[in-house]
C-alpha atoms as a PDB file:
ATOM      1  CA  UNK A   1      72.299 110.212 120.330  1.00  0.00           C
ATOM      2  CA  UNK A   2      75.509 108.186 120.363  1.00  0.00           C
ATOM      3  CA  UNK A   3      77.946 108.599 117.548  1.00  0.00           C
ATOM      4  CA  UNK A   4      79.725 105.572 116.132  1.00  0.00           C
ATOM      5  CA  UNK A   5      83.432 105.301 115.648  1.00  0.00           C
ATOM      6  CA  UNK A   6      86.182 103.493 113.778  1.00  0.00           C
ATOM      7  CA  UNK A   7      89.634 102.231 114.572  1.00  0.00           C
ATOM      8  CA  UNK A   8      91.827 102.214 111.492  1.00  0.00           C
ATOM      9  CA  UNK A   9      95.348 101.357 110.453  1.00  0.00           C
ATOM     10  CA  UNK A  10      97.177 103.246 107.724  1.00  0.00           C
ATOM     11  CA  UNK A  11     100.565 102.338 106.324  1.00  0.00           C
ATOM     12  CA  UNK A  12     103.170 103.553 103.867  1.00  0.00           C
ATOM     13  CA  UNK A  13     103.813 102.011 100.445  1.00  0.00           C
ATOM     14  CA  UNK A  14     106.399  99.516 101.725  1.00  0.00           C
ATOM     15  CA  UNK A  15     104.104  98.451 104.610  1.00  0.00           C
ATOM     16  CA  UNK A  16     106.965  98.815 107.081  1.00  0.00           C
ATOM     17  CA  UNK A  17     105.216 101.532 109.137  1.00  0.00           C
ATOM     18  CA  UNK A  18     101.814 101.130 110.806  1.00  0.00           C
ATOM     19  CA  UNK A  19      99.745 103.902 112.363  1.00  0.00           C
ATOM     20  CA  UNK A  20      96.621 103.188 114.409  1.00  0.00           C
ATOM     21  CA  UNK A  21      94.014 105.920 114.706  1.00  0.00           C
ATOM     22  CA  UNK A  22      90.401 106.497 115.732  1.00  0.00           C
ATOM     23  CA  UNK A  23      87.710 108.616 114.096  1.00  0.00           C
ATOM     24  CA  UNK A  24      83.970 109.134 113.905  1.00  0.00           C
ATOM     25  CA  UNK A  25      84.108 109.670 110.121  1.00  0.00           C
ATOM     26  CA  UNK A  26      86.364 107.189 108.339  1.00  0.00           C
ATOM     27  CA  UNK A  27      85.950 108.609 104.828  1.00  0.00           C
ATOM     28  CA  UNK A  28      86.879 112.141 105.865  1.00  0.00           C
ATOM     29  CA  UNK A  29      89.779 111.039 108.049  1.00  0.00           C
ATOM     30  CA  UNK A  30      91.362 108.939 105.311  1.00  0.00           C
ATOM     31  CA  UNK A  31      90.899 111.851 102.906  1.00  0.00           C
ATOM     32  CA  UNK A  32      92.767 114.065 105.377  1.00  0.00           C
ATOM     33  CA  UNK A  33      95.657 111.590 105.489  1.00  0.00           C
ATOM     34  CA  UNK A  34      95.763 111.458 101.684  1.00  0.00           C
ATOM     35  CA  UNK A  35      95.817 115.261 101.461  1.00  0.00           C
ATOM     36  CA  UNK A  36      98.626 115.731 103.982  1.00  0.00           C
ATOM     37  CA  UNK A  37      96.340 116.889 106.790  1.00  0.00           C
ATOM     38  CA  UNK A  38      97.047 113.926 109.046  1.00  0.00           C
ATOM     39  CA  UNK A  39      99.234 114.207 112.089  1.00  0.00           C
ATOM     40  CA  UNK A  40     102.995 114.694 112.117  1.00  0.00           C
ATOM     41  CA  UNK A  41     103.782 110.965 112.269  1.00  0.00           C
ATOM     42  CA  UNK A  42     101.637 109.971 109.281  1.00  0.00           C
ATOM     43  CA  UNK A  43     102.953 112.850 107.167  1.00  0.00           C
ATOM     44  CA  UNK A  44     106.564 112.117 108.066  1.00  0.00           C
ATOM     45  CA  UNK A  45     106.337 108.417 107.222  1.00  0.00           C
ATOM     46  CA  UNK A  46     103.919 108.661 104.282  1.00  0.00           C
ATOM     47  CA  UNK A  47     101.134 106.660 105.929  1.00  0.00           C
ATOM     48  CA  UNK A  48      98.224 107.265 103.575  1.00  0.00           C
ATOM     49  CA  UNK A  49      97.116 103.726 102.653  1.00  0.00           C
ATOM     50  CA  UNK A  50      94.195 102.411 104.687  1.00  0.00           C
ATOM     51  CA  UNK A  51      94.848  98.701 105.249  1.00  0.00           C
ATOM     52  CA  UNK A  52      92.475  97.889 108.143  1.00  0.00           C
ATOM     53  CA  UNK A  53      89.429  99.268 109.962  1.00  0.00           C
ATOM     54  CA  UNK A  54      86.816  98.226 112.521  1.00  0.00           C
ATOM     55  CA  UNK A  55      83.470  99.899 113.175  1.00  0.00           C
ATOM     56  CA  UNK A  56      81.861 100.435 116.596  1.00  0.00           C
ATOM     57  CA  UNK A  57      78.485 101.694 117.780  1.00  0.00           C
ATOM     58  CA  UNK A  58      80.099 104.376 119.938  1.00  0.00           C
ATOM     59  CA  UNK A  59      83.252 106.445 119.672  1.00  0.00           C
ATOM     60  CA  UNK A  60      84.098 105.454 123.247  1.00  0.00           C
ATOM     61  CA  UNK A  61      84.277 101.780 122.234  1.00  0.00           C
ATOM     62  CA  UNK A  62      86.535 102.687 119.329  1.00  0.00           C
ATOM     63  CA  UNK A  63      88.865 104.642 121.627  1.00  0.00           C
ATOM     64  CA  UNK A  64      89.133 101.690 124.021  1.00  0.00           C
ATOM     65  CA  UNK A  65      89.996  99.363 121.124  1.00  0.00           C
ATOM     66  CA  UNK A  66      92.572 101.821 119.735  1.00  0.00           C
ATOM     67  CA  UNK A  67      94.328 101.974 123.104  1.00  0.00           C
ATOM     68  CA  UNK A  68      94.412  98.161 123.284  1.00  0.00           C
ATOM     69  CA  UNK A  69      95.819  97.788 119.787  1.00  0.00           C
ATOM     70  CA  UNK A  70      98.530 100.407 120.313  1.00  0.00           C
ATOM     71  CA  UNK A  71      99.963  98.204 123.071  1.00  0.00           C
ATOM     72  CA  UNK A  72     100.160  95.134 120.818  1.00  0.00           C
ATOM     73  CA  UNK A  73     103.288  93.679 119.267  1.00  0.00           C
ATOM     74  CA  UNK A  74     103.664  94.313 115.558  1.00  0.00           C
ATOM     75  CA  UNK A  75     103.140  90.622 114.737  1.00  0.00           C
ATOM     76  CA  UNK A  76      99.728  90.719 116.453  1.00  0.00           C
ATOM     77  CA  UNK A  77      98.737  93.811 114.460  1.00  0.00           C
ATOM     78  CA  UNK A  78      99.844  92.200 111.194  1.00  0.00           C
ATOM     79  CA  UNK A  79      97.876  89.047 111.991  1.00  0.00           C
ATOM     80  CA  UNK A  80      94.739  91.113 112.633  1.00  0.00           C
ATOM     81  CA  UNK A  81      95.197  93.071 109.395  1.00  0.00           C
ATOM     82  CA  UNK A  82      95.720  89.903 107.343  1.00  0.00           C
ATOM     83  CA  UNK A  83      92.508  88.341 108.708  1.00  0.00           C
ATOM     84  CA  UNK A  84      90.572  91.140 107.000  1.00  0.00           C
ATOM     85  CA  UNK A  85      92.989  92.088 104.225  1.00  0.00           C
ATOM     86  CA  UNK A  86      95.336  89.142 103.468  1.00  0.00           C
ATOM     87  CA  UNK A  87      97.439  91.022 100.911  1.00  0.00           C
ATOM     88  CA  UNK A  88      97.501  94.260 102.930  1.00  0.00           C
ATOM     89  CA  UNK A  89      96.062  96.098  99.927  1.00  0.00           C
ATOM     90  CA  UNK A  90      95.058  99.741  99.951  1.00  0.00           C
ATOM     91  CA  UNK A  91      91.372 100.041 100.942  1.00  0.00           C
ATOM     92  CA  UNK A  92      90.977 103.812 100.526  1.00  0.00           C
ATOM     93  CA  UNK A  93      88.631 103.507  97.544  1.00  0.00           C
ATOM     94  CA  UNK A  94      86.459 100.861  99.201  1.00  0.00           C
ATOM     95  CA  UNK A  95      85.163 102.879 102.179  1.00  0.00           C
ATOM     96  CA  UNK A  96      82.730 105.363 100.623  1.00  0.00           C
ATOM     97  CA  UNK A  97      79.828 103.908 102.650  1.00  0.00           C
ATOM     98  CA  UNK A  98      81.612 104.399 106.008  1.00  0.00           C
ATOM     99  CA  UNK A  99      80.661 108.000 106.818  1.00  0.00           C
END
């Protein structure tokens, strides 16, 4: 059985730092970021606010997309985020159904 996956972007309060990650369980991963259990980069820069995510039918698809997005210019990433979340608001409390 294939396991789905998510690409997500978290940011700090000022929205001047973006971190792109991939996970098979979006709710748990965002909870880890909020509780200081994310990676070094997200802890150092305070990236705990989920501002974008995409779902995929397989984790492999999500990994491919993550690698693509990490190569993008910041303006491209911001444009993508604003298509889904125009005000770049925190979405952490709106993802309970994405386990």
